[in-house]
Amino acid sequence: MSKRSMLVILMLCLMGVMSEISMAEKWAVSVKTGEQSVTNLNFFFHDKLSGNNPSAIRVAQPIQSYQSPTFFGVIMMTDDPLTETSDPNSKLVGRAQGLYGSAGQQETALLMAMSFCFTDGAYNGSTISILGKNPAMNPTRELPVVSGTGVFRMARGYAIAHTHWADAATGDAIVAYNVTLFH
């Protein structure tokens, strides 16, 4: 058998393996559907504003914000851990890096511009970009995924966010994310 024939057979075998459902990690499932994969990710976002080592810090605030019950105009920069479970000490699967700002005068509505940068397993080095409104006081929120890199290059989809725990005194919160991606 020629080298070319062997190469063609090898490529066909690899394509068959890649077209099946794969469970890359405990927190993610990918399904290849023809030319497109659908991936579902489940993880927890830990936004810590308190203590000596906060993962989110205030970088801008207009003079008038102190009068606003929604903190309108406040902008926060984040480098929040993403973990496999709600326990802050559970397996780190990535980081949420970016910013969010209070964009609502009548409601607590955050404008989020974030990259969720994955650091675990098959998704190590891949990112997804979230850009949109997060009505933070709603029990469940839907946010748009507008793009991605690496395994998630050109991804689009949506993220369902649900506040798992929040401390009104400190602003600390743990948010469960269920993300569906088409890529």
C-alpha atoms as a PDB file:
ATOM      1  CA  MET A   1       0.000   0.000   0.000  1.00  0.00           C
ATOM      2  CA  SER A   2       1.371   3.438  -0.900  1.00  0.00           C
ATOM      3  CA  LYS A   3       2.182   6.134   1.664  1.00  0.00           C
ATOM      4  CA  ARG A   4      -0.564   8.302   0.175  1.00  0.00           C
ATOM      5  CA  SER A   5      -3.189   5.551   0.621  1.00  0.00           C
ATOM      6  CA  MET A   6      -2.084   4.996   4.216  1.00  0.00           C
ATOM      7  CA  LEU A   7      -2.323   8.739   4.897  1.00  0.00           C
ATOM      8  CA  VAL A   8      -5.861   8.894   3.457  1.00  0.00           C
ATOM      9  CA  ILE A   9      -6.961   5.911   5.585  1.00  0.00           C
ATOM     10  CA  LEU A  10      -5.394   7.442   8.708  1.00  0.00           C
ATOM     11  CA  MET A  11      -7.127  10.792   8.053  1.00  0.00           C
ATOM     12  CA  LEU A  12     -10.505   9.075   7.580  1.00  0.00           C
ATOM     13  CA  CYS A  13     -10.073   7.154  10.843  1.00  0.00           C
ATOM     14  CA  LEU A  14      -9.176  10.337  12.728  1.00  0.00           C
ATOM     15  CA  MET A  15     -12.164  12.195  11.251  1.00  0.00           C
ATOM     16  CA  GLY A  16     -14.457   9.382  12.434  1.00  0.00           C
ATOM     17  CA  VAL A  17     -13.112   9.597  15.965  1.00  0.00           C
ATOM     18  CA  MET A  18     -13.423  13.387  16.019  1.00  0.00           C
ATOM     19  CA  SER A  19     -17.056  13.319  14.850  1.00  0.00           C
ATOM     20  CA  GLU A  20     -18.279  11.427  17.918  1.00  0.00           C
ATOM     21  CA  ILE A  21     -19.452  12.866  21.191  1.00  0.00           C
ATOM     22  CA  SER A  22     -16.541  13.631  23.458  1.00  0.00           C
ATOM     23  CA  MET A  23     -16.477  14.315  27.153  1.00  0.00           C
ATOM     24  CA  ALA A  24     -13.271  16.295  27.454  1.00  0.00           C
ATOM     25  CA  GLU A  25     -13.665  17.109  31.136  1.00  0.00           C
ATOM     26  CA  LYS A  26     -16.182  16.499  33.945  1.00  0.00           C
ATOM     27  CA  TRP A  27     -17.487  20.049  33.547  1.00  0.00           C
ATOM     28  CA  ALA A  28     -17.892  20.067  29.735  1.00  0.00           C
ATOM     29  CA  VAL A  29     -19.437  17.999  26.946  1.00  0.00           C
ATOM     30  CA  SER A  30     -18.832  18.483  23.195  1.00  0.00           C
ATOM     31  CA  VAL A  31     -20.983  17.081  20.411  1.00  0.00           C
ATOM     32  CA  LYS A  32     -19.853  17.278  16.784  1.00  0.00           C
ATOM     33  CA  THR A  33     -22.822  17.848  14.459  1.00  0.00           C
ATOM     34  CA  GLY A  34     -21.570  17.797  10.893  1.00  0.00           C
ATOM     35  CA  GLU A  35     -19.454  20.885  10.474  1.00  0.00           C
ATOM     36  CA  GLN A  36     -20.364  22.365  13.865  1.00  0.00           C
ATOM     37  CA  SER A  37     -19.733  21.376  17.470  1.00  0.00           C
ATOM     38  CA  VAL A  38     -22.035  22.146  20.372  1.00  0.00           C
ATOM     39  CA  THR A  39     -20.317  22.405  23.750  1.00  0.00           C
ATOM     40  CA  ASN A  40     -21.969  22.832  27.138  1.00  0.00           C
ATOM     41  CA  LEU A  41     -19.842  24.168  30.000  1.00  0.00           C
ATOM     42  CA  ASN A  42     -20.857  24.286  33.667  1.00  0.00           C
ATOM     43  CA  PHE A  43     -18.684  26.145  36.144  1.00  0.00           C
ATOM     44  CA  PHE A  44     -18.769  28.693  38.974  1.00  0.00           C
ATOM     45  CA  PHE A  45     -17.612  32.330  38.845  1.00  0.00           C
ATOM     46  CA  HIS A  46     -16.176  33.680  42.131  1.00  0.00           C
ATOM     47  CA  ASP A  47     -16.373  37.496  42.315  1.00  0.00           C
ATOM     48  CA  LYS A  48     -14.537  38.624  45.460  1.00  0.00           C
ATOM     49  CA  LEU A  49     -14.525  42.335  46.289  1.00  0.00           C
ATOM     50  CA  SER A  50     -13.504  41.984  49.951  1.00  0.00           C
ATOM     51  CA  GLY A  51     -10.343  41.047  51.803  1.00  0.00           C
ATOM     52  CA  ASN A  52      -6.642  41.549  51.133  1.00  0.00           C
ATOM     53  CA  ASN A  53      -6.663  39.910  47.713  1.00  0.00           C
ATOM     54  CA  PRO A  54      -9.896  40.823  45.888  1.00  0.00           C
ATOM     55  CA  SER A  55     -10.494  39.381  42.418  1.00  0.00           C
ATOM     56  CA  ALA A  56     -12.541  42.432  41.375  1.00  0.00           C
ATOM     57  CA  ILE A  57     -11.602  46.048  42.039  1.00  0.00           C
ATOM     58  CA  ARG A  58     -13.293  49.372  41.387  1.00  0.00           C
ATOM     59  CA  VAL A  59     -11.369  51.282  38.710  1.00  0.00           C
ATOM     60  CA  ALA A  60     -13.776  54.174  38.021  1.00  0.00           C
ATOM     61  CA  GLN A  61     -16.627  55.944  39.729  1.00  0.00           C
ATOM     62  CA  PRO A  62     -18.301  59.232  38.864  1.00  0.00           C
ATOM     63  CA  ILE A  63     -18.716  61.748  41.661  1.00  0.00           C
ATOM     64  CA  GLN A  64     -22.503  61.314  41.534  1.00  0.00           C
ATOM     65  CA  SER A  65     -22.430  57.491  41.996  1.00  0.00           C
ATOM     66  CA  TYR A  66     -22.485  57.669  45.756  1.00  0.00           C
ATOM     67  CA  GLN A  67     -26.068  58.972  45.428  1.00  0.00           C
ATOM     68  CA  SER A  68     -27.216  56.187  43.092  1.00  0.00           C
ATOM     69  CA  PRO A  69     -28.866  53.094  44.626  1.00  0.00           C
ATOM     70  CA  THR A  70     -27.692  51.106  41.564  1.00  0.00           C
ATOM     71  CA  PHE A  71     -24.099  52.452  41.653  1.00  0.00           C
ATOM     72  CA  PHE A  72     -24.672  53.819  38.149  1.00  0.00           C
ATOM     73  CA  GLY A  73     -21.338  54.574  36.474  1.00  0.00           C
ATOM     74  CA  VAL A  74     -19.132  52.378  38.662  1.00  0.00           C
ATOM     75  CA  ILE A  75     -16.677  50.228  36.658  1.00  0.00           C
ATOM     76  CA  MET A  76     -15.001  47.104  38.042  1.00  0.00           C
ATOM     77  CA  MET A  77     -11.980  45.228  36.634  1.00  0.00           C
ATOM     78  CA  THR A  78     -11.919  41.480  37.290  1.00  0.00           C
ATOM     79  CA  ASP A  79      -9.653  38.478  37.329  1.00  0.00           C
ATOM     80  CA  ASP A  80     -12.141  36.058  38.897  1.00  0.00           C
ATOM     81  CA  PRO A  81     -11.504  32.330  39.316  1.00  0.00           C
ATOM     82  CA  LEU A  82     -13.775  29.876  37.484  1.00  0.00           C
ATOM     83  CA  THR A  83     -14.091  26.569  39.316  1.00  0.00           C
ATOM     84  CA  GLU A  84     -15.681  23.177  38.747  1.00  0.00           C
ATOM     85  CA  THR A  85     -17.990  23.477  41.798  1.00  0.00           C
ATOM     86  CA  SER A  86     -19.260  26.282  44.036  1.00  0.00           C
ATOM     87  CA  ASP A  87     -16.472  25.551  46.537  1.00  0.00           C
ATOM     88  CA  PRO A  88     -13.767  28.216  46.015  1.00  0.00           C
ATOM     89  CA  ASN A  89     -11.159  25.499  46.683  1.00  0.00           C
ATOM     90  CA  SER A  90     -12.491  23.164  43.984  1.00  0.00           C
ATOM     91  CA  LYS A  91     -10.644  22.532  40.723  1.00  0.00           C
ATOM     92  CA  LEU A  92      -9.757  25.748  38.863  1.00  0.00           C
ATOM     93  CA  VAL A  93     -10.947  25.522  35.232  1.00  0.00           C
ATOM     94  CA  GLY A  94     -10.217  29.095  34.172  1.00  0.00           C
ATOM     95  CA  ARG A  95     -10.413  32.806  34.916  1.00  0.00           C
ATOM     96  CA  ALA A  96     -12.929  35.527  34.049  1.00  0.00           C
ATOM     97  CA  GLN A  97     -10.889  38.537  32.990  1.00  0.00           C
ATOM     98  CA  GLY A  98     -12.432  41.814  31.928  1.00  0.00           C
ATOM     99  CA  LEU A  99     -14.726  44.441  33.277  1.00  0.00           C
ATOM    100  CA  TYR A 100     -18.278  45.140  34.248  1.00  0.00           C
ATOM    101  CA  GLY A 101     -19.949  48.456  34.830  1.00  0.00           C
ATOM    102  CA  SER A 102     -23.202  49.526  36.390  1.00  0.00           C
ATOM    103  CA  ALA A 103     -25.216  50.697  33.371  1.00  0.00           C
ATOM    104  CA  GLY A 104     -28.691  51.016  34.900  1.00  0.00           C
ATOM    105  CA  GLN A 105     -30.105  54.053  36.632  1.00  0.00           C
ATOM    106  CA  GLN A 106     -33.396  52.370  37.589  1.00  0.00           C
ATOM    107  CA  GLU A 107     -32.195  48.765  38.048  1.00  0.00           C
ATOM    108  CA  THR A 108     -28.980  46.962  38.921  1.00  0.00           C
ATOM    109  CA  ALA A 109     -27.933  46.197  35.362  1.00  0.00           C
ATOM    110  CA  LEU A 110     -24.309  45.421  34.641  1.00  0.00           C
ATOM    111  CA  LEU A 111     -22.718  45.751  31.233  1.00  0.00           C
ATOM    112  CA  MET A 112     -20.250  42.859  31.055  1.00  0.00           C
ATOM    113  CA  ALA A 113     -17.248  42.693  28.725  1.00  0.00           C
ATOM    114  CA  MET A 114     -15.339  39.573  29.760  1.00  0.00           C
ATOM    115  CA  SER A 115     -13.101  36.860  28.458  1.00  0.00           C
ATOM    116  CA  PHE A 116     -13.555  33.528  30.152  1.00  0.00           C
ATOM    117  CA  CYS A 117     -10.042  32.092  29.772  1.00  0.00           C
ATOM    118  CA  PHE A 118      -9.925  28.321  30.292  1.00  0.00           C
ATOM    119  CA  THR A 119      -6.863  26.698  31.842  1.00  0.00           C
ATOM    120  CA  ASP A 120      -7.929  23.071  32.178  1.00  0.00           C
ATOM    121  CA  GLY A 121      -7.616  20.001  29.967  1.00  0.00           C
ATOM    122  CA  ALA A 122      -8.718  20.086  26.343  1.00  0.00           C
ATOM    123  CA  TYR A 123      -9.838  23.729  26.665  1.00  0.00           C
ATOM    124  CA  ASN A 124      -6.542  25.034  28.119  1.00  0.00           C
ATOM    125  CA  GLY A 125      -5.700  28.284  26.321  1.00  0.00           C
ATOM    126  CA  SER A 126      -9.161  28.686  24.766  1.00  0.00           C
ATOM    127  CA  THR A 127     -11.452  31.605  25.574  1.00  0.00           C
ATOM    128  CA  ILE A 128     -15.025  32.766  25.120  1.00  0.00           C
ATOM    129  CA  SER A 129     -16.122  36.396  25.062  1.00  0.00           C
ATOM    130  CA  ILE A 130     -19.212  37.585  26.928  1.00  0.00           C
ATOM    131  CA  LEU A 131     -20.558  41.011  25.984  1.00  0.00           C
ATOM    132  CA  GLY A 132     -23.947  42.209  27.142  1.00  0.00           C
ATOM    133  CA  LYS A 133     -26.378  43.199  29.851  1.00  0.00           C
ATOM    134  CA  ASN A 134     -26.475  41.275  33.116  1.00  0.00           C
ATOM    135  CA  PRO A 135     -29.551  42.236  35.190  1.00  0.00           C
ATOM    136  CA  ALA A 136     -27.749  41.075  38.327  1.00  0.00           C
ATOM    137  CA  MET A 137     -30.748  41.106  40.683  1.00  0.00           C
ATOM    138  CA  ASN A 138     -32.726  38.661  38.523  1.00  0.00           C
ATOM    139  CA  PRO A 139     -32.458  35.086  39.803  1.00  0.00           C
ATOM    140  CA  THR A 140     -31.541  33.786  36.341  1.00  0.00           C
ATOM    141  CA  ARG A 141     -29.917  35.805  33.563  1.00  0.00           C
ATOM    142  CA  GLU A 142     -29.063  35.086  29.927  1.00  0.00           C
ATOM    143  CA  LEU A 143     -25.906  36.651  28.471  1.00  0.00           C
ATOM    144  CA  PRO A 144     -24.612  36.510  24.892  1.00  0.00           C
ATOM    145  CA  VAL A 145     -21.393  34.723  23.946  1.00  0.00           C
ATOM    146  CA  VAL A 146     -20.092  36.705  20.980  1.00  0.00           C
ATOM    147  CA  SER A 147     -16.852  34.929  20.059  1.00  0.00           C
ATOM    148  CA  GLY A 148     -14.006  32.750  21.213  1.00  0.00           C
ATOM    149  CA  THR A 149     -10.461  31.598  20.573  1.00  0.00           C
ATOM    150  CA  GLY A 150      -8.616  28.263  20.417  1.00  0.00           C
ATOM    151  CA  VAL A 151     -11.056  25.342  20.483  1.00  0.00           C
ATOM    152  CA  PHE A 152     -13.863  27.932  20.607  1.00  0.00           C
ATOM    153  CA  ARG A 153     -12.671  30.024  17.656  1.00  0.00           C
ATOM    154  CA  MET A 154     -15.639  31.913  16.138  1.00  0.00           C
ATOM    155  CA  ALA A 155     -17.960  30.569  18.870  1.00  0.00           C
ATOM    156  CA  ARG A 156     -21.371  32.001  19.481  1.00  0.00           C
ATOM    157  CA  GLY A 157     -23.939  31.050  22.035  1.00  0.00           C
ATOM    158  CA  TYR A 158     -25.388  32.006  25.365  1.00  0.00           C
ATOM    159  CA  ALA A 159     -24.612  31.804  29.060  1.00  0.00           C
ATOM    160  CA  ILE A 160     -27.246  31.228  31.722  1.00  0.00           C
ATOM    161  CA  ALA A 161     -26.103  32.776  35.008  1.00  0.00           C
ATOM    162  CA  HIS A 162     -27.672  32.042  38.370  1.00  0.00           C
ATOM    163  CA  THR A 163     -26.474  33.590  41.631  1.00  0.00           C
ATOM    164  CA  HIS A 164     -25.505  30.689  43.878  1.00  0.00           C
ATOM    165  CA  TRP A 165     -24.467  32.849  46.843  1.00  0.00           C
ATOM    166  CA  ALA A 166     -24.028  36.578  47.523  1.00  0.00           C
ATOM    167  CA  ASP A 167     -23.022  38.703  50.499  1.00  0.00           C
ATOM    168  CA  ALA A 168     -24.723  42.117  50.356  1.00  0.00           C
ATOM    169  CA  ALA A 169     -22.322  43.569  52.944  1.00  0.00           C
ATOM    170  CA  THR A 170     -19.122  42.797  50.989  1.00  0.00           C
ATOM    171  CA  GLY A 171     -20.384  42.466  47.405  1.00  0.00           C
ATOM    172  CA  ASP A 172     -18.785  39.007  47.145  1.00  0.00           C
ATOM    173  CA  ALA A 173     -20.713  36.517  45.011  1.00  0.00           C
ATOM    174  CA  ILE A 174     -20.558  33.029  43.536  1.00  0.00           C
ATOM    175  CA  VAL A 175     -22.424  32.668  40.255  1.00  0.00           C
ATOM    176  CA  ALA A 176     -23.230  29.379  38.516  1.00  0.00           C
ATOM    177  CA  TYR A 177     -22.748  29.483  34.738  1.00  0.00           C
ATOM    178  CA  ASN A 178     -24.262  27.074  32.218  1.00  0.00           C
ATOM    179  CA  VAL A 179     -22.821  28.024  28.804  1.00  0.00           C
ATOM    180  CA  THR A 180     -23.912  26.609  25.438  1.00  0.00           C
ATOM    181  CA  LEU A 181     -21.524  27.215  22.537  1.00  0.00           C
ATOM    182  CA  PHE A 182     -21.818  26.614  18.798  1.00  0.00           C
ATOM    183  CA  HIS A 183     -18.389  26.454  17.146  1.00  0.00           C
END
